Amino acid sequence: MRSTTGDNWDDIADWWAEEATTDPAFELDVNPVLDELIAPLGPRVLDLGCGEGQAMRRHDRWVVGIDLSLRLAHRAAESGRALVADLPDLGALRTDAVDGAYSVY
């Protein structure tokens, strides 16, 4: 069963994808913080709330993106692996599948 939250994100997926790729705040504020979060992680990482996959495209790592929204996860899958899941249910991943995780909220 999909959550109500995921359904709402599907409703605004196009807006979010545009916002995340054109809003200068991402390049000026969000992406530098993201770079700091990802730097110490191992080569296999989990992007919690991957949205349209911006962070997945930004770093040369093995990344699995997880998002509530099927529409956003579909866009993220153009940049790598992406799953639709509600947190904290990460049952689709093996325990040792990733070295670290990050989320930009």
N, C-alpha and C. Protein backbone atom coordinates (compact mmCIF):
# COMPACT_ATOMS: atom_id res chain seq x y z
N MET A 1 0.84 -1.19 0.00
CA MET A 1 0.00 0.00 0.00
C MET A 1 0.88 1.25 0.00
N ARG A 2 0.59 2.18 -0.86
CA ARG A 2 1.36 3.42 -0.92
C ARG A 2 0.80 4.40 0.08
N SER A 3 1.68 5.20 0.61
CA SER A 3 1.25 6.16 1.63
C SER A 3 0.60 7.38 1.00
N THR A 4 -0.17 8.08 1.80
CA THR A 4 -0.78 9.34 1.35
C THR A 4 0.31 10.34 1.01
N THR A 5 1.39 10.33 1.80
CA THR A 5 2.50 11.25 1.53
C THR A 5 3.07 11.01 0.14
N GLY A 6 3.27 9.75 -0.22
CA GLY A 6 3.81 9.43 -1.54
C GLY A 6 2.89 9.90 -2.64
N ASP A 7 1.58 9.72 -2.43
CA ASP A 7 0.62 10.19 -3.42
C ASP A 7 0.73 11.69 -3.60
N ASN A 8 0.90 12.44 -2.52
CA ASN A 8 1.04 13.89 -2.62
C ASN A 8 2.30 14.27 -3.39
N TRP A 9 3.39 13.56 -3.17
CA TRP A 9 4.61 13.84 -3.91
C TRP A 9 4.43 13.53 -5.38
N ASP A 10 3.69 12.49 -5.70
CA ASP A 10 3.41 12.21 -7.11
C ASP A 10 2.65 13.37 -7.74
N ASP A 11 1.76 13.99 -6.98
CA ASP A 11 0.97 15.11 -7.49
C ASP A 11 1.85 16.32 -7.83
N ILE A 12 2.95 16.50 -7.12
CA ILE A 12 3.81 17.66 -7.36
C ILE A 12 5.17 17.29 -7.93
N ALA A 13 5.30 16.08 -8.46
CA ALA A 13 6.59 15.59 -8.96
C ALA A 13 7.17 16.50 -10.04
N ASP A 14 6.37 16.94 -10.98
CA ASP A 14 6.89 17.80 -12.05
C ASP A 14 7.40 19.12 -11.49
N TRP A 15 6.64 19.70 -10.57
CA TRP A 15 7.07 20.95 -9.94
C TRP A 15 8.39 20.73 -9.21
N TRP A 16 8.50 19.65 -8.42
CA TRP A 16 9.71 19.40 -7.64
C TRP A 16 10.92 19.19 -8.55
N ALA A 17 10.76 18.43 -9.61
CA ALA A 17 11.87 18.18 -10.52
C ALA A 17 12.38 19.49 -11.12
N GLU A 18 11.47 20.35 -11.48
CA GLU A 18 11.86 21.67 -12.02
C GLU A 18 12.55 22.52 -10.94
N GLU A 19 11.96 22.54 -9.76
CA GLU A 19 12.51 23.33 -8.64
C GLU A 19 13.91 22.87 -8.27
N ALA A 20 14.10 21.57 -8.17
CA ALA A 20 15.38 21.02 -7.73
C ALA A 20 16.49 21.24 -8.75
N THR A 21 16.14 21.42 -10.00
CA THR A 21 17.18 21.60 -11.01
C THR A 21 17.38 23.05 -11.43
N THR A 22 16.46 23.95 -11.05
CA THR A 22 16.60 25.35 -11.48
C THR A 22 16.76 26.35 -10.34
N ASP A 23 16.37 25.99 -9.13
CA ASP A 23 16.47 26.91 -8.00
C ASP A 23 17.95 27.10 -7.63
N PRO A 24 18.47 28.33 -7.67
CA PRO A 24 19.89 28.55 -7.37
C PRO A 24 20.28 28.16 -5.94
N ALA A 25 19.32 28.04 -5.04
CA ALA A 25 19.64 27.64 -3.66
C ALA A 25 20.25 26.24 -3.62
N PHE A 26 19.88 25.39 -4.56
CA PHE A 26 20.46 24.05 -4.57
C PHE A 26 21.95 24.12 -4.86
N GLU A 27 22.32 24.88 -5.87
CA GLU A 27 23.74 24.98 -6.21
C GLU A 27 24.53 25.74 -5.15
N LEU A 28 23.94 26.77 -4.57
CA LEU A 28 24.64 27.59 -3.59
C LEU A 28 24.66 27.00 -2.19
N ASP A 29 23.58 26.37 -1.77
CA ASP A 29 23.46 25.93 -0.39
C ASP A 29 23.35 24.42 -0.22
N VAL A 30 22.45 23.80 -0.94
CA VAL A 30 22.17 22.37 -0.74
C VAL A 30 23.32 21.50 -1.24
N ASN A 31 23.78 21.72 -2.45
CA ASN A 31 24.81 20.84 -3.02
C ASN A 31 26.12 20.86 -2.25
N PRO A 32 26.61 22.01 -1.75
CA PRO A 32 27.83 21.97 -0.93
C PRO A 32 27.66 21.13 0.35
N VAL A 33 26.48 21.21 0.98
CA VAL A 33 26.23 20.38 2.16
C VAL A 33 26.17 18.91 1.75
N LEU A 34 25.54 18.64 0.65
CA LEU A 34 25.47 17.28 0.13
C LEU A 34 26.86 16.72 -0.11
N ASP A 35 27.73 17.51 -0.71
CA ASP A 35 29.11 17.07 -0.95
C ASP A 35 29.80 16.69 0.35
N GLU A 36 29.59 17.48 1.40
CA GLU A 36 30.19 17.18 2.70
C GLU A 36 29.61 15.91 3.31
N LEU A 37 28.32 15.70 3.14
CA LEU A 37 27.69 14.49 3.68
C LEU A 37 28.21 13.23 3.00
N ILE A 38 28.38 13.30 1.69
CA ILE A 38 28.76 12.12 0.92
C ILE A 38 30.25 11.81 1.02
N ALA A 39 31.08 12.81 1.19
CA ALA A 39 32.53 12.62 1.15
C ALA A 39 33.04 11.47 2.02
N PRO A 40 32.62 11.34 3.29
CA PRO A 40 33.18 10.27 4.12
C PRO A 40 32.53 8.89 3.93
N LEU A 41 31.48 8.82 3.15
CA LEU A 41 30.80 7.54 2.96
C LEU A 41 31.58 6.64 2.02
N GLY A 42 31.34 5.36 2.12
CA GLY A 42 32.00 4.40 1.24
C GLY A 42 31.50 4.51 -0.19
N PRO A 43 31.92 3.57 -1.03
CA PRO A 43 31.58 3.66 -2.46
C PRO A 43 30.14 3.30 -2.79
N ARG A 44 29.42 2.62 -1.88
CA ARG A 44 28.03 2.22 -2.15
C ARG A 44 27.13 2.95 -1.16
N VAL A 45 26.31 3.86 -1.67
CA VAL A 45 25.51 4.69 -0.77
C VAL A 45 24.03 4.66 -1.12
N LEU A 46 23.24 4.99 -0.13
CA LEU A 46 21.80 5.01 -0.24
C LEU A 46 21.35 6.46 -0.12
N ASP A 47 20.59 6.93 -1.09
CA ASP A 47 20.05 8.29 -1.10
C ASP A 47 18.60 8.20 -0.63
N LEU A 48 18.36 8.59 0.62
CA LEU A 48 17.03 8.52 1.22
C LEU A 48 16.25 9.77 0.84
N GLY A 49 15.21 9.60 0.05
CA GLY A 49 14.46 10.74 -0.47
C GLY A 49 15.16 11.31 -1.68
N CYS A 50 15.44 10.47 -2.65
CA CYS A 50 16.28 10.86 -3.79
C CYS A 50 15.62 11.86 -4.74
N GLY A 51 14.31 12.05 -4.61
CA GLY A 51 13.65 12.97 -5.53
C GLY A 51 13.88 12.58 -6.97
N GLU A 52 14.23 13.52 -7.80
CA GLU A 52 14.42 13.25 -9.23
C GLU A 52 15.83 12.76 -9.55
N GLY A 53 16.68 12.59 -8.53
CA GLY A 53 18.00 11.99 -8.74
C GLY A 53 19.15 12.97 -8.85
N GLN A 54 18.97 14.22 -8.47
CA GLN A 54 20.03 15.21 -8.60
C GLN A 54 21.33 14.76 -7.93
N ALA A 55 21.25 14.28 -6.69
CA ALA A 55 22.45 13.85 -5.98
C ALA A 55 23.06 12.61 -6.63
N MET A 56 22.22 11.75 -7.16
CA MET A 56 22.71 10.55 -7.83
C MET A 56 23.55 10.91 -9.05
N ARG A 57 23.19 11.96 -9.73
CA ARG A 57 23.95 12.41 -10.92
C ARG A 57 25.22 13.13 -10.52
N ARG A 58 25.24 13.69 -9.35
CA ARG A 58 26.32 14.57 -8.92
C ARG A 58 27.59 13.83 -8.50
N HIS A 59 27.46 12.60 -8.08
CA HIS A 59 28.61 11.89 -7.52
C HIS A 59 28.88 10.58 -8.24
N ASP A 60 30.16 10.28 -8.38
CA ASP A 60 30.59 9.07 -9.07
C ASP A 60 30.70 7.93 -8.05
N ARG A 61 29.54 7.44 -7.65
CA ARG A 61 29.46 6.34 -6.70
C ARG A 61 28.34 5.41 -7.13
N TRP A 62 28.31 4.26 -6.51
CA TRP A 62 27.21 3.32 -6.70
C TRP A 62 26.11 3.78 -5.76
N VAL A 63 25.05 4.34 -6.28
CA VAL A 63 23.99 4.92 -5.46
C VAL A 63 22.67 4.22 -5.74
N VAL A 64 21.95 3.94 -4.66
CA VAL A 64 20.57 3.49 -4.77
C VAL A 64 19.72 4.61 -4.21
N GLY A 65 18.80 5.11 -5.00
CA GLY A 65 17.89 6.15 -4.55
C GLY A 65 16.57 5.55 -4.09
N ILE A 66 16.03 6.09 -3.02
CA ILE A 66 14.73 5.65 -2.51
C ILE A 66 13.86 6.88 -2.35
N ASP A 67 12.64 6.79 -2.84
CA ASP A 67 11.71 7.91 -2.70
C ASP A 67 10.30 7.37 -2.51
N LEU A 68 9.45 8.18 -1.91
CA LEU A 68 8.04 7.84 -1.73
C LEU A 68 7.28 7.90 -3.05
N SER A 69 7.72 8.76 -3.92
CA SER A 69 7.00 9.04 -5.15
C SER A 69 7.45 8.14 -6.30
N LEU A 70 6.52 7.43 -6.88
CA LEU A 70 6.82 6.62 -8.05
C LEU A 70 7.30 7.49 -9.20
N ARG A 71 6.68 8.64 -9.39
CA ARG A 71 7.06 9.52 -10.50
C ARG A 71 8.48 10.06 -10.33
N LEU A 72 8.84 10.46 -9.10
CA LEU A 72 10.19 10.96 -8.87
C LEU A 72 11.22 9.83 -8.95
N ALA A 73 10.90 8.67 -8.41
CA ALA A 73 11.83 7.53 -8.49
C ALA A 73 12.05 7.12 -9.94
N HIS A 74 11.01 7.23 -10.75
CA HIS A 74 11.15 6.91 -12.18
C HIS A 74 12.14 7.87 -12.83
N ARG A 75 12.06 9.14 -12.49
CA ARG A 75 13.03 10.12 -13.03
C ARG A 75 14.44 9.82 -12.53
N ALA A 76 14.55 9.49 -11.23
CA ALA A 76 15.85 9.19 -10.64
C ALA A 76 16.48 7.96 -11.30
N ALA A 77 15.65 7.02 -11.71
CA ALA A 77 16.15 5.79 -12.34
C ALA A 77 16.88 6.07 -13.65
N GLU A 78 16.68 7.24 -14.22
CA GLU A 78 17.44 7.63 -15.41
C GLU A 78 18.91 7.87 -15.07
N SER A 79 19.20 8.09 -13.77
CA SER A 79 20.56 8.37 -13.31
C SER A 79 21.18 7.21 -12.55
N GLY A 80 20.41 6.19 -12.23
CA GLY A 80 20.93 5.06 -11.46
C GLY A 80 19.79 4.18 -10.98
N ARG A 81 20.06 3.42 -9.96
CA ARG A 81 19.04 2.54 -9.39
C ARG A 81 18.14 3.33 -8.48
N ALA A 82 16.84 3.08 -8.56
CA ALA A 82 15.89 3.79 -7.70
C ALA A 82 14.74 2.86 -7.31
N LEU A 83 14.32 2.98 -6.07
CA LEU A 83 13.23 2.19 -5.53
C LEU A 83 12.16 3.11 -4.96
N VAL A 84 10.94 2.62 -4.93
CA VAL A 84 9.87 3.33 -4.23
C VAL A 84 9.66 2.60 -2.92
N ALA A 85 9.77 3.34 -1.81
CA ALA A 85 9.59 2.74 -0.49
C ALA A 85 9.27 3.82 0.52
N ASP A 86 8.54 3.41 1.54
CA ASP A 86 8.30 4.26 2.71
C ASP A 86 9.39 3.96 3.72
N LEU A 87 10.00 4.99 4.27
CA LEU A 87 10.96 4.76 5.35
C LEU A 87 10.18 4.51 6.62
N PRO A 88 10.59 3.66 7.49
CA PRO A 88 11.90 3.00 7.53
C PRO A 88 11.93 1.64 6.86
N ASP A 89 10.95 1.27 6.06
CA ASP A 89 10.91 -0.05 5.44
C ASP A 89 11.90 -0.13 4.28
N LEU A 90 13.07 -0.67 4.57
CA LEU A 90 14.09 -0.85 3.55
C LEU A 90 14.32 -2.34 3.29
N GLY A 91 13.26 -3.12 3.43
CA GLY A 91 13.33 -4.57 3.27
C GLY A 91 13.79 -5.01 1.90
N ALA A 92 13.72 -4.15 0.90
CA ALA A 92 14.15 -4.52 -0.45
C ALA A 92 15.67 -4.58 -0.57
N LEU A 93 16.39 -4.07 0.45
CA LEU A 93 17.85 -4.06 0.41
C LEU A 93 18.42 -5.07 1.39
N ARG A 94 19.49 -5.74 0.98
CA ARG A 94 20.21 -6.61 1.90
C ARG A 94 20.86 -5.75 2.99
N THR A 95 21.10 -6.33 4.12
CA THR A 95 21.72 -5.62 5.24
C THR A 95 23.06 -5.00 4.85
N ASP A 96 23.85 -5.71 4.07
CA ASP A 96 25.19 -5.23 3.71
C ASP A 96 25.23 -4.59 2.32
N ALA A 97 24.10 -4.16 1.80
CA ALA A 97 24.04 -3.66 0.42
C ALA A 97 24.73 -2.32 0.24
N VAL A 98 24.79 -1.51 1.28
CA VAL A 98 25.39 -0.17 1.15
C VAL A 98 26.38 0.08 2.28
N ASP A 99 27.29 1.02 2.05
CA ASP A 99 28.29 1.40 3.05
C ASP A 99 27.81 2.56 3.90
N GLY A 100 26.88 3.34 3.39
CA GLY A 100 26.39 4.50 4.13
C GLY A 100 25.14 5.04 3.47
N ALA A 101 24.53 5.99 4.14
CA ALA A 101 23.31 6.61 3.62
C ALA A 101 23.32 8.09 3.92
N TYR A 102 22.60 8.84 3.13
CA TYR A 102 22.45 10.28 3.36
C TYR A 102 21.05 10.70 2.96
N SER A 103 20.66 11.83 3.48
CA SER A 103 19.38 12.42 3.12
C SER A 103 19.52 13.93 3.19
N VAL A 104 19.05 14.58 2.18
CA VAL A 104 19.01 16.05 2.20
C VAL A 104 17.54 16.40 2.37
N TYR A 105 17.21 16.92 3.49
CA TYR A 105 15.82 17.19 3.83
C TYR A 105 15.55 18.66 3.80
